[in-house]
Amino acid sequence: MNFIALVVILAGVFGSFISRSQWGAKSSKGSTKFSGVIRYVVIHHTDSPGVCTTTDPCKAAMRSIQNYHMKSNGWKDIGYSFAVGGDGNIYEGRGYNVVGAHAPGYNSRSIGLVLIGNFMKSSPPDEMIAAAKNFIASAISAGKLSKDYKLIGHRQATSTSCPGNKLYAEIKTWSHWTSKP
């Protein structure tokens, strides 16, 4: 399936698909691809910035995250594959089948899906949860994600509080969550 066809599918199941160029991403300083159908989804929260509820602030959040990852962490790009805004849109990060910088041991075999906001004490907005679930379903339909994928929280890959206590409790109710990654 080509990229344009995938964008059309994605646009039909949640708000909008916002490409890197649409949110103003800097060029990557290099990337490594991996092949095959992806078998894991790793859920994250940004901690900071907080939840964005309209497109322009979500685009700004993406630029802020990318700047932090590239300047402070010294990474080649934003660490995540995709992001979910509180506006219900999906924001392209590194994209499909690009080695991420989001979860040790899973970067070359997963989609790193970050929900923009801090979800330690509060739950993500319903629109955000629906968009995340719809994105995952569309990735399966597009043949990018295995239909028997495993879903984990970032804290299951490394010592961290990510994806926040409230979001972690939420994803534990999702059909593909696994306690044993």
N, C-alpha and C. Protein backbone atom coordinates (compact mmCIF):
# COMPACT_ATOMS: atom_id res chain seq x y z
N MET A 1 0.85 -1.17 0.00
CA MET A 1 0.00 0.00 0.00
C MET A 1 0.90 1.23 0.00
N ASN A 2 0.60 2.18 -0.86
CA ASN A 2 1.43 3.37 -0.91
C ASN A 2 1.03 4.37 0.18
N PHE A 3 1.86 5.38 0.39
CA PHE A 3 1.66 6.33 1.47
C PHE A 3 0.36 7.11 1.29
N ILE A 4 0.03 7.53 0.08
CA ILE A 4 -1.20 8.30 -0.17
C ILE A 4 -2.42 7.48 0.20
N ALA A 5 -2.46 6.21 -0.20
CA ALA A 5 -3.59 5.35 0.14
C ALA A 5 -3.70 5.19 1.65
N LEU A 6 -2.57 5.06 2.34
CA LEU A 6 -2.58 4.93 3.78
C LEU A 6 -3.12 6.19 4.44
N VAL A 7 -2.74 7.36 3.96
CA VAL A 7 -3.24 8.62 4.50
C VAL A 7 -4.75 8.71 4.34
N VAL A 8 -5.27 8.27 3.20
CA VAL A 8 -6.72 8.29 2.97
C VAL A 8 -7.42 7.38 3.98
N ILE A 9 -6.87 6.19 4.23
CA ILE A 9 -7.45 5.29 5.22
C ILE A 9 -7.41 5.92 6.60
N LEU A 10 -6.25 6.46 6.97
CA LEU A 10 -6.10 7.05 8.28
C LEU A 10 -7.04 8.23 8.50
N ALA A 11 -7.22 9.05 7.48
CA ALA A 11 -8.07 10.23 7.61
C ALA A 11 -9.52 9.84 7.86
N GLY A 12 -9.92 8.65 7.45
CA GLY A 12 -11.30 8.23 7.62
C GLY A 12 -11.63 7.69 8.99
N VAL A 13 -10.64 7.42 9.85
CA VAL A 13 -10.92 6.77 11.12
C VAL A 13 -10.65 7.62 12.36
N PHE A 14 -10.10 8.77 12.22
CA PHE A 14 -9.93 9.69 13.33
C PHE A 14 -9.86 11.08 12.75
N GLY A 15 -9.61 12.10 13.57
CA GLY A 15 -9.58 13.48 13.10
C GLY A 15 -8.90 13.64 11.77
N SER A 16 -7.62 13.81 11.79
CA SER A 16 -6.82 13.96 10.58
C SER A 16 -5.45 13.35 10.82
N PHE A 17 -4.79 13.03 9.74
CA PHE A 17 -3.41 12.58 9.79
C PHE A 17 -2.57 13.80 9.46
N ILE A 18 -1.70 14.21 10.38
CA ILE A 18 -0.87 15.39 10.20
C ILE A 18 0.55 14.91 9.91
N SER A 19 1.01 15.16 8.69
CA SER A 19 2.34 14.71 8.28
C SER A 19 3.43 15.56 8.93
N ARG A 20 4.64 15.08 8.83
CA ARG A 20 5.79 15.82 9.36
C ARG A 20 5.87 17.23 8.78
N SER A 21 5.67 17.32 7.48
CA SER A 21 5.75 18.65 6.85
C SER A 21 4.63 19.56 7.34
N GLN A 22 3.46 18.99 7.63
CA GLN A 22 2.34 19.81 8.09
C GLN A 22 2.55 20.35 9.51
N TRP A 23 3.26 19.61 10.36
CA TRP A 23 3.50 20.16 11.70
C TRP A 23 4.84 20.89 11.80
N GLY A 24 5.59 20.92 10.71
CA GLY A 24 6.82 21.70 10.68
C GLY A 24 8.03 20.99 11.26
N ALA A 25 8.12 19.69 11.04
CA ALA A 25 9.26 18.91 11.55
C ALA A 25 10.56 19.36 10.90
N LYS A 26 11.61 19.30 11.68
CA LYS A 26 12.96 19.47 11.14
C LYS A 26 13.30 18.19 10.38
N SER A 27 14.25 18.28 9.50
CA SER A 27 14.72 17.08 8.80
C SER A 27 15.43 16.18 9.79
N SER A 28 15.22 14.88 9.63
CA SER A 28 15.91 13.90 10.44
C SER A 28 17.40 13.96 10.11
N LYS A 29 18.24 13.68 11.10
CA LYS A 29 19.68 13.63 10.88
C LYS A 29 20.13 12.23 10.47
N GLY A 30 19.15 11.40 10.11
CA GLY A 30 19.45 10.03 9.69
C GLY A 30 18.46 9.07 10.30
N SER A 31 18.22 7.99 9.62
CA SER A 31 17.30 6.98 10.15
C SER A 31 17.70 5.60 9.66
N THR A 32 17.24 4.62 10.40
CA THR A 32 17.45 3.22 10.04
C THR A 32 16.08 2.59 9.93
N LYS A 33 15.87 1.87 8.86
CA LYS A 33 14.59 1.20 8.63
C LYS A 33 14.65 -0.23 9.15
N PHE A 34 13.50 -0.77 9.44
CA PHE A 34 13.38 -2.21 9.69
C PHE A 34 12.22 -2.71 8.85
N SER A 35 12.22 -3.99 8.56
CA SER A 35 11.20 -4.51 7.65
C SER A 35 10.24 -5.45 8.37
N GLY A 36 9.18 -5.75 7.67
CA GLY A 36 8.21 -6.70 8.19
C GLY A 36 7.05 -6.04 8.88
N VAL A 37 6.09 -6.87 9.22
CA VAL A 37 4.91 -6.40 9.94
C VAL A 37 5.31 -6.18 11.40
N ILE A 38 4.90 -5.08 11.95
CA ILE A 38 5.28 -4.68 13.31
C ILE A 38 4.47 -5.50 14.32
N ARG A 39 5.13 -5.94 15.39
CA ARG A 39 4.48 -6.84 16.35
C ARG A 39 4.18 -6.21 17.71
N TYR A 40 4.66 -4.98 17.95
CA TYR A 40 4.43 -4.32 19.24
C TYR A 40 3.98 -2.88 19.05
N VAL A 41 3.15 -2.43 20.00
CA VAL A 41 2.82 -1.02 20.15
C VAL A 41 3.22 -0.66 21.57
N VAL A 42 4.05 0.37 21.70
CA VAL A 42 4.49 0.85 23.01
C VAL A 42 3.83 2.21 23.23
N ILE A 43 3.05 2.31 24.31
CA ILE A 43 2.31 3.54 24.61
C ILE A 43 3.13 4.41 25.57
N HIS A 44 3.15 5.71 25.25
CA HIS A 44 3.87 6.72 26.04
C HIS A 44 2.96 7.90 26.34
N HIS A 45 3.40 8.75 27.27
CA HIS A 45 2.85 10.10 27.40
C HIS A 45 4.03 11.06 27.36
N THR A 46 3.76 12.32 27.03
CA THR A 46 4.87 13.26 26.90
C THR A 46 5.31 13.83 28.23
N ASP A 47 4.49 13.75 29.25
CA ASP A 47 4.72 14.42 30.52
C ASP A 47 4.64 15.93 30.29
N SER A 48 5.51 16.47 29.46
CA SER A 48 5.47 17.88 29.07
C SER A 48 5.79 17.94 27.58
N PRO A 49 5.10 18.69 26.79
CA PRO A 49 4.02 19.62 27.12
C PRO A 49 2.74 18.90 27.51
N GLY A 50 1.80 19.70 28.03
CA GLY A 50 0.52 19.17 28.44
C GLY A 50 -0.39 18.89 27.26
N VAL A 51 -1.61 18.50 27.56
CA VAL A 51 -2.59 18.17 26.53
C VAL A 51 -2.87 19.39 25.66
N CYS A 52 -2.82 19.18 24.36
CA CYS A 52 -3.20 20.22 23.40
C CYS A 52 -4.58 19.85 22.86
N THR A 53 -5.46 20.82 22.72
CA THR A 53 -6.83 20.50 22.32
C THR A 53 -7.20 21.02 20.94
N THR A 54 -6.32 21.78 20.32
CA THR A 54 -6.55 22.26 18.96
C THR A 54 -5.27 22.05 18.15
N THR A 55 -5.39 22.10 16.85
CA THR A 55 -4.30 21.71 15.96
C THR A 55 -3.04 22.55 16.11
N ASP A 56 -3.15 23.86 16.12
CA ASP A 56 -1.92 24.67 16.18
C ASP A 56 -1.10 24.41 17.44
N PRO A 57 -1.71 24.35 18.63
CA PRO A 57 -0.91 23.99 19.81
C PRO A 57 -0.34 22.57 19.74
N CYS A 58 -1.05 21.63 19.10
CA CYS A 58 -0.52 20.27 18.96
C CYS A 58 0.69 20.26 18.02
N LYS A 59 0.63 21.05 16.95
CA LYS A 59 1.78 21.16 16.05
C LYS A 59 2.97 21.74 16.81
N ALA A 60 2.71 22.76 17.63
CA ALA A 60 3.77 23.38 18.42
C ALA A 60 4.35 22.36 19.42
N ALA A 61 3.48 21.53 19.99
CA ALA A 61 3.95 20.50 20.92
C ALA A 61 4.88 19.52 20.20
N MET A 62 4.51 19.14 19.01
CA MET A 62 5.37 18.22 18.23
C MET A 62 6.73 18.84 17.96
N ARG A 63 6.76 20.11 17.60
CA ARG A 63 8.05 20.78 17.36
C ARG A 63 8.87 20.85 18.65
N SER A 64 8.20 21.12 19.76
CA SER A 64 8.87 21.19 21.05
C SER A 64 9.47 19.83 21.44
N ILE A 65 8.70 18.77 21.24
CA ILE A 65 9.19 17.42 21.56
C ILE A 65 10.38 17.08 20.67
N GLN A 66 10.26 17.36 19.38
CA GLN A 66 11.37 17.06 18.47
C GLN A 66 12.62 17.85 18.85
N ASN A 67 12.45 19.14 19.13
CA ASN A 67 13.60 19.96 19.55
C ASN A 67 14.27 19.38 20.78
N TYR A 68 13.48 19.00 21.77
CA TYR A 68 14.04 18.43 22.99
C TYR A 68 14.80 17.14 22.68
N HIS A 69 14.18 16.27 21.92
CA HIS A 69 14.82 14.98 21.60
C HIS A 69 16.13 15.17 20.83
N MET A 70 16.13 16.12 19.89
CA MET A 70 17.32 16.31 19.06
C MET A 70 18.40 17.13 19.78
N LYS A 71 18.01 18.19 20.47
CA LYS A 71 19.00 19.07 21.11
C LYS A 71 19.45 18.55 22.47
N SER A 72 18.51 18.22 23.33
CA SER A 72 18.88 17.80 24.69
C SER A 72 19.34 16.35 24.75
N ASN A 73 18.66 15.47 24.02
CA ASN A 73 19.01 14.05 24.06
C ASN A 73 20.05 13.66 23.01
N GLY A 74 20.26 14.53 22.01
CA GLY A 74 21.22 14.23 20.96
C GLY A 74 20.76 13.17 19.97
N TRP A 75 19.45 12.96 19.89
CA TRP A 75 18.92 11.96 18.97
C TRP A 75 18.83 12.52 17.56
N LYS A 76 18.68 11.65 16.59
CA LYS A 76 18.63 12.06 15.19
C LYS A 76 17.28 12.63 14.79
N ASP A 77 16.26 12.45 15.61
CA ASP A 77 14.91 12.88 15.28
C ASP A 77 14.05 12.76 16.54
N ILE A 78 12.78 13.08 16.40
CA ILE A 78 11.82 12.81 17.46
C ILE A 78 11.87 11.30 17.74
N GLY A 79 11.70 10.90 18.96
CA GLY A 79 11.86 9.50 19.31
C GLY A 79 10.70 8.60 18.92
N TYR A 80 9.49 9.16 18.82
CA TYR A 80 8.28 8.37 18.63
C TYR A 80 7.94 8.15 17.16
N SER A 81 7.18 7.10 16.91
CA SER A 81 6.71 6.81 15.56
C SER A 81 5.55 7.72 15.19
N PHE A 82 4.60 7.87 16.11
CA PHE A 82 3.40 8.69 15.90
C PHE A 82 2.98 9.28 17.23
N ALA A 83 2.18 10.35 17.17
CA ALA A 83 1.64 10.99 18.38
C ALA A 83 0.15 11.19 18.21
N VAL A 84 -0.54 11.24 19.35
CA VAL A 84 -1.98 11.51 19.36
C VAL A 84 -2.19 12.81 20.12
N GLY A 85 -2.83 13.76 19.46
CA GLY A 85 -3.15 15.03 20.09
C GLY A 85 -4.52 14.98 20.74
N GLY A 86 -4.75 15.88 21.68
CA GLY A 86 -6.05 16.01 22.31
C GLY A 86 -7.10 16.53 21.35
N ASP A 87 -6.67 16.94 20.17
CA ASP A 87 -7.57 17.37 19.11
C ASP A 87 -8.10 16.19 18.30
N GLY A 88 -7.65 14.97 18.63
CA GLY A 88 -8.10 13.77 17.92
C GLY A 88 -7.30 13.47 16.66
N ASN A 89 -6.28 14.27 16.38
CA ASN A 89 -5.44 14.06 15.20
C ASN A 89 -4.27 13.16 15.52
N ILE A 90 -3.77 12.49 14.49
CA ILE A 90 -2.57 11.67 14.59
C ILE A 90 -1.44 12.45 13.91
N TYR A 91 -0.33 12.58 14.60
CA TYR A 91 0.83 13.33 14.11
C TYR A 91 1.95 12.34 13.78
N GLU A 92 2.46 12.44 12.57
CA GLU A 92 3.55 11.57 12.15
C GLU A 92 4.85 11.96 12.84
N GLY A 93 5.48 10.98 13.48
CA GLY A 93 6.80 11.17 14.05
C GLY A 93 7.81 10.58 13.08
N ARG A 94 8.48 9.52 13.49
CA ARG A 94 9.41 8.84 12.58
C ARG A 94 8.66 8.02 11.54
N GLY A 95 7.45 7.62 11.84
CA GLY A 95 6.65 6.85 10.90
C GLY A 95 6.81 5.36 11.11
N TYR A 96 6.23 4.60 10.18
CA TYR A 96 6.26 3.14 10.24
C TYR A 96 7.64 2.60 9.85
N ASN A 97 8.02 1.51 10.50
CA ASN A 97 9.22 0.74 10.16
C ASN A 97 10.51 1.57 10.16
N VAL A 98 10.55 2.58 11.00
CA VAL A 98 11.76 3.35 11.22
C VAL A 98 12.15 3.11 12.69
N VAL A 99 13.40 2.71 12.92
CA VAL A 99 13.86 2.46 14.28
C VAL A 99 13.67 3.73 15.10
N GLY A 100 12.99 3.59 16.21
CA GLY A 100 12.70 4.73 17.07
C GLY A 100 13.74 4.91 18.17
N ALA A 101 13.45 5.85 19.05
CA ALA A 101 14.26 6.10 20.23
C ALA A 101 13.28 6.31 21.38
N HIS A 102 12.48 5.29 21.65
CA HIS A 102 11.41 5.46 22.64
C HIS A 102 11.33 4.36 23.69
N ALA A 103 11.84 3.16 23.40
CA ALA A 103 11.74 2.07 24.38
C ALA A 103 12.85 1.05 24.13
N PRO A 104 13.87 1.01 24.99
CA PRO A 104 14.97 0.07 24.81
C PRO A 104 14.46 -1.36 24.61
N GLY A 105 15.00 -2.03 23.62
CA GLY A 105 14.62 -3.39 23.33
C GLY A 105 13.44 -3.51 22.38
N TYR A 106 12.75 -2.41 22.13
CA TYR A 106 11.56 -2.42 21.26
C TYR A 106 11.66 -1.45 20.09
N ASN A 107 12.68 -0.62 20.07
CA ASN A 107 12.79 0.43 19.05
C ASN A 107 12.80 -0.08 17.62
N SER A 108 13.30 -1.28 17.41
CA SER A 108 13.40 -1.80 16.04
C SER A 108 12.31 -2.82 15.73
N ARG A 109 11.26 -2.83 16.55
CA ARG A 109 10.18 -3.79 16.29
C ARG A 109 8.83 -3.31 16.78
N SER A 110 8.68 -1.98 16.90
CA SER A 110 7.44 -1.46 17.46
C SER A 110 7.03 -0.14 16.84
N ILE A 111 5.79 0.21 17.15
CA ILE A 111 5.28 1.56 16.93
C ILE A 111 5.33 2.23 18.29
N GLY A 112 6.05 3.32 18.40
CA GLY A 112 6.06 4.12 19.62
C GLY A 112 4.96 5.16 19.48
N LEU A 113 3.86 4.97 20.20
CA LEU A 113 2.70 5.85 20.10
C LEU A 113 2.59 6.67 21.37
N VAL A 114 2.80 7.98 21.24
CA VAL A 114 2.77 8.87 22.40
C VAL A 114 1.48 9.67 22.40
N LEU A 115 0.86 9.79 23.56
CA LEU A 115 -0.28 10.65 23.75
C LEU A 115 0.25 11.93 24.37
N ILE A 116 -0.03 13.06 23.73
CA ILE A 116 0.53 14.34 24.17
C ILE A 116 -0.16 14.80 25.45
N GLY A 117 0.61 14.86 26.53
CA GLY A 117 0.09 15.30 27.82
C GLY A 117 0.68 14.48 28.95
N ASN A 118 0.39 14.92 30.17
CA ASN A 118 0.84 14.23 31.38
C ASN A 118 -0.35 13.47 31.95
N PHE A 119 -0.22 12.15 32.03
CA PHE A 119 -1.33 11.32 32.47
C PHE A 119 -1.01 10.53 33.74
N MET A 120 -0.26 11.20 34.63
CA MET A 120 0.01 10.60 35.95
C MET A 120 -1.24 10.65 36.81
N LYS A 121 -1.89 11.81 36.87
CA LYS A 121 -3.03 12.00 37.78
C LYS A 121 -4.36 12.19 37.07
N SER A 122 -4.32 12.49 35.80
CA SER A 122 -5.56 12.66 35.05
C SER A 122 -5.54 11.78 33.81
N SER A 123 -6.73 11.39 33.39
CA SER A 123 -6.86 10.51 32.23
C SER A 123 -6.85 11.32 30.94
N PRO A 124 -6.41 10.71 29.85
CA PRO A 124 -6.48 11.40 28.56
C PRO A 124 -7.94 11.67 28.17
N PRO A 125 -8.17 12.73 27.40
CA PRO A 125 -9.53 12.98 26.92
C PRO A 125 -10.05 11.79 26.09
N ASP A 126 -11.35 11.59 26.12
CA ASP A 126 -11.97 10.49 25.38
C ASP A 126 -11.60 10.51 23.90
N GLU A 127 -11.51 11.71 23.31
CA GLU A 127 -11.16 11.83 21.89
C GLU A 127 -9.77 11.26 21.62
N MET A 128 -8.89 11.44 22.56
CA MET A 128 -7.52 10.97 22.42
C MET A 128 -7.47 9.44 22.48
N ILE A 129 -8.21 8.87 23.41
CA ILE A 129 -8.26 7.41 23.54
C ILE A 129 -8.85 6.81 22.26
N ALA A 130 -9.96 7.39 21.80
CA ALA A 130 -10.60 6.88 20.58
C ALA A 130 -9.67 6.99 19.39
N ALA A 131 -8.97 8.11 19.26
CA ALA A 131 -8.04 8.30 18.14
C ALA A 131 -6.90 7.28 18.20
N ALA A 132 -6.37 7.02 19.40
CA ALA A 132 -5.29 6.03 19.55
C ALA A 132 -5.77 4.64 19.13
N LYS A 133 -6.93 4.25 19.61
CA LYS A 133 -7.47 2.93 19.27
C LYS A 133 -7.76 2.84 17.77
N ASN A 134 -8.31 3.89 17.20
CA ASN A 134 -8.60 3.89 15.76
C ASN A 134 -7.33 3.86 14.93
N PHE A 135 -6.29 4.55 15.40
CA PHE A 135 -5.01 4.52 14.70
C PHE A 135 -4.46 3.09 14.68
N ILE A 136 -4.50 2.43 15.82
CA ILE A 136 -4.00 1.05 15.89
C ILE A 136 -4.79 0.15 14.94
N ALA A 137 -6.12 0.29 14.93
CA ALA A 137 -6.95 -0.51 14.03
C ALA A 137 -6.61 -0.22 12.57
N SER A 138 -6.35 1.04 12.25
CA SER A 138 -6.01 1.39 10.86
C SER A 138 -4.65 0.84 10.47
N ALA A 139 -3.72 0.78 11.42
CA ALA A 139 -2.39 0.22 11.14
C ALA A 139 -2.50 -1.27 10.82
N ILE A 140 -3.42 -1.95 11.49
CA ILE A 140 -3.67 -3.37 11.19
C ILE A 140 -4.28 -3.49 9.80
N SER A 141 -5.31 -2.68 9.52
CA SER A 141 -5.98 -2.71 8.21
C SER A 141 -5.02 -2.42 7.07
N ALA A 142 -4.06 -1.55 7.32
CA ALA A 142 -3.09 -1.18 6.29
C ALA A 142 -1.98 -2.21 6.13
N GLY A 143 -1.98 -3.23 6.98
CA GLY A 143 -0.95 -4.26 6.90
C GLY A 143 0.38 -3.86 7.52
N LYS A 144 0.39 -2.79 8.30
CA LYS A 144 1.62 -2.33 8.94
C LYS A 144 1.84 -2.98 10.30
N LEU A 145 0.74 -3.28 10.99
CA LEU A 145 0.80 -3.84 12.34
C LEU A 145 0.16 -5.22 12.32
N SER A 146 0.82 -6.17 12.95
CA SER A 146 0.31 -7.54 13.02
C SER A 146 -1.04 -7.55 13.73
N LYS A 147 -1.96 -8.37 13.23
CA LYS A 147 -3.27 -8.44 13.88
C LYS A 147 -3.18 -9.09 15.26
N ASP A 148 -2.08 -9.78 15.56
CA ASP A 148 -1.87 -10.35 16.89
C ASP A 148 -0.77 -9.61 17.65
N TYR A 149 -0.68 -8.29 17.42
CA TYR A 149 0.33 -7.45 18.08
C TYR A 149 0.16 -7.50 19.60
N LYS A 150 1.22 -7.09 20.29
CA LYS A 150 1.18 -6.94 21.74
C LYS A 150 1.31 -5.47 22.08
N LEU A 151 0.52 -5.04 23.06
CA LEU A 151 0.50 -3.65 23.51
C LEU A 151 1.12 -3.58 24.90
N ILE A 152 2.06 -2.67 25.07
CA ILE A 152 2.68 -2.48 26.39
C ILE A 152 2.80 -0.99 26.68
N GLY A 153 2.98 -0.68 27.95
CA GLY A 153 3.31 0.67 28.37
C GLY A 153 4.82 0.81 28.43
N HIS A 154 5.31 2.01 28.22
CA HIS A 154 6.75 2.27 28.23
C HIS A 154 7.42 1.71 29.49
N ARG A 155 6.73 1.80 30.64
CA ARG A 155 7.30 1.33 31.91
C ARG A 155 7.58 -0.17 31.91
N GLN A 156 7.00 -0.89 30.97
CA GLN A 156 7.27 -2.33 30.88
C GLN A 156 8.58 -2.62 30.14
N ALA A 157 9.13 -1.61 29.48
CA ALA A 157 10.38 -1.78 28.74
C ALA A 157 11.59 -1.26 29.50
N THR A 158 11.36 -0.30 30.39
CA THR A 158 12.46 0.32 31.13
C THR A 158 11.91 0.96 32.40
N SER A 159 12.79 1.32 33.32
CA SER A 159 12.37 1.91 34.58
C SER A 159 11.94 3.37 34.36
N THR A 160 10.63 3.60 34.34
CA THR A 160 10.07 4.92 34.13
C THR A 160 8.63 4.93 34.64
N SER A 161 8.10 6.10 34.86
CA SER A 161 6.68 6.20 35.24
C SER A 161 5.79 6.34 34.00
N CYS A 162 6.39 6.48 32.84
CA CYS A 162 5.66 6.61 31.58
C CYS A 162 4.90 5.31 31.28
N PRO A 163 3.70 5.35 30.85
CA PRO A 163 2.91 6.45 30.28
C PRO A 163 2.02 7.18 31.29
N GLY A 164 2.42 7.23 32.52
CA GLY A 164 1.59 7.86 33.55
C GLY A 164 0.63 6.83 34.15
N ASN A 165 0.33 6.99 35.42
CA ASN A 165 -0.50 6.01 36.11
C ASN A 165 -1.91 5.87 35.53
N LYS A 166 -2.54 6.98 35.20
CA LYS A 166 -3.91 6.93 34.67
C LYS A 166 -3.94 6.31 33.27
N LEU A 167 -3.01 6.70 32.40
CA LEU A 167 -2.99 6.13 31.06
C LEU A 167 -2.60 4.65 31.11
N TYR A 168 -1.67 4.30 31.99
CA TYR A 168 -1.28 2.90 32.11
C TYR A 168 -2.48 2.05 32.56
N ALA A 169 -3.23 2.54 33.53
CA ALA A 169 -4.43 1.82 33.97
C ALA A 169 -5.41 1.67 32.81
N GLU A 170 -5.53 2.69 31.99
CA GLU A 170 -6.43 2.65 30.83
C GLU A 170 -5.98 1.59 29.82
N ILE A 171 -4.71 1.60 29.44
CA ILE A 171 -4.28 0.67 28.38
C ILE A 171 -4.32 -0.79 28.85
N LYS A 172 -4.26 -1.00 30.16
CA LYS A 172 -4.36 -2.37 30.67
C LYS A 172 -5.73 -2.97 30.40
N THR A 173 -6.72 -2.14 30.03
CA THR A 173 -8.06 -2.63 29.69
C THR A 173 -8.21 -2.90 28.20
N TRP A 174 -7.22 -2.51 27.40
CA TRP A 174 -7.30 -2.67 25.94
C TRP A 174 -7.03 -4.13 25.57
N SER A 175 -7.62 -4.56 24.48
CA SER A 175 -7.63 -5.98 24.13
C SER A 175 -6.25 -6.61 23.92
N HIS A 176 -5.26 -5.89 23.46
CA HIS A 176 -3.97 -6.51 23.16
C HIS A 176 -2.90 -6.23 24.21
N TRP A 177 -3.30 -5.58 25.34
CA TRP A 177 -2.32 -5.32 26.37
C TRP A 177 -1.81 -6.65 26.91
N THR A 178 -0.51 -6.70 27.15
CA THR A 178 0.08 -7.91 27.72
C THR A 178 0.94 -7.55 28.92
N SER A 179 0.86 -8.38 29.95
CA SER A 179 1.70 -8.16 31.13
C SER A 179 3.09 -8.75 30.95
N LYS A 180 3.23 -9.61 29.92
CA LYS A 180 4.51 -10.28 29.67
C LYS A 180 4.98 -10.01 28.25
N PRO A 181 5.63 -8.86 28.07
CA PRO A 181 6.08 -8.52 26.72
C PRO A 181 7.14 -9.46 26.22
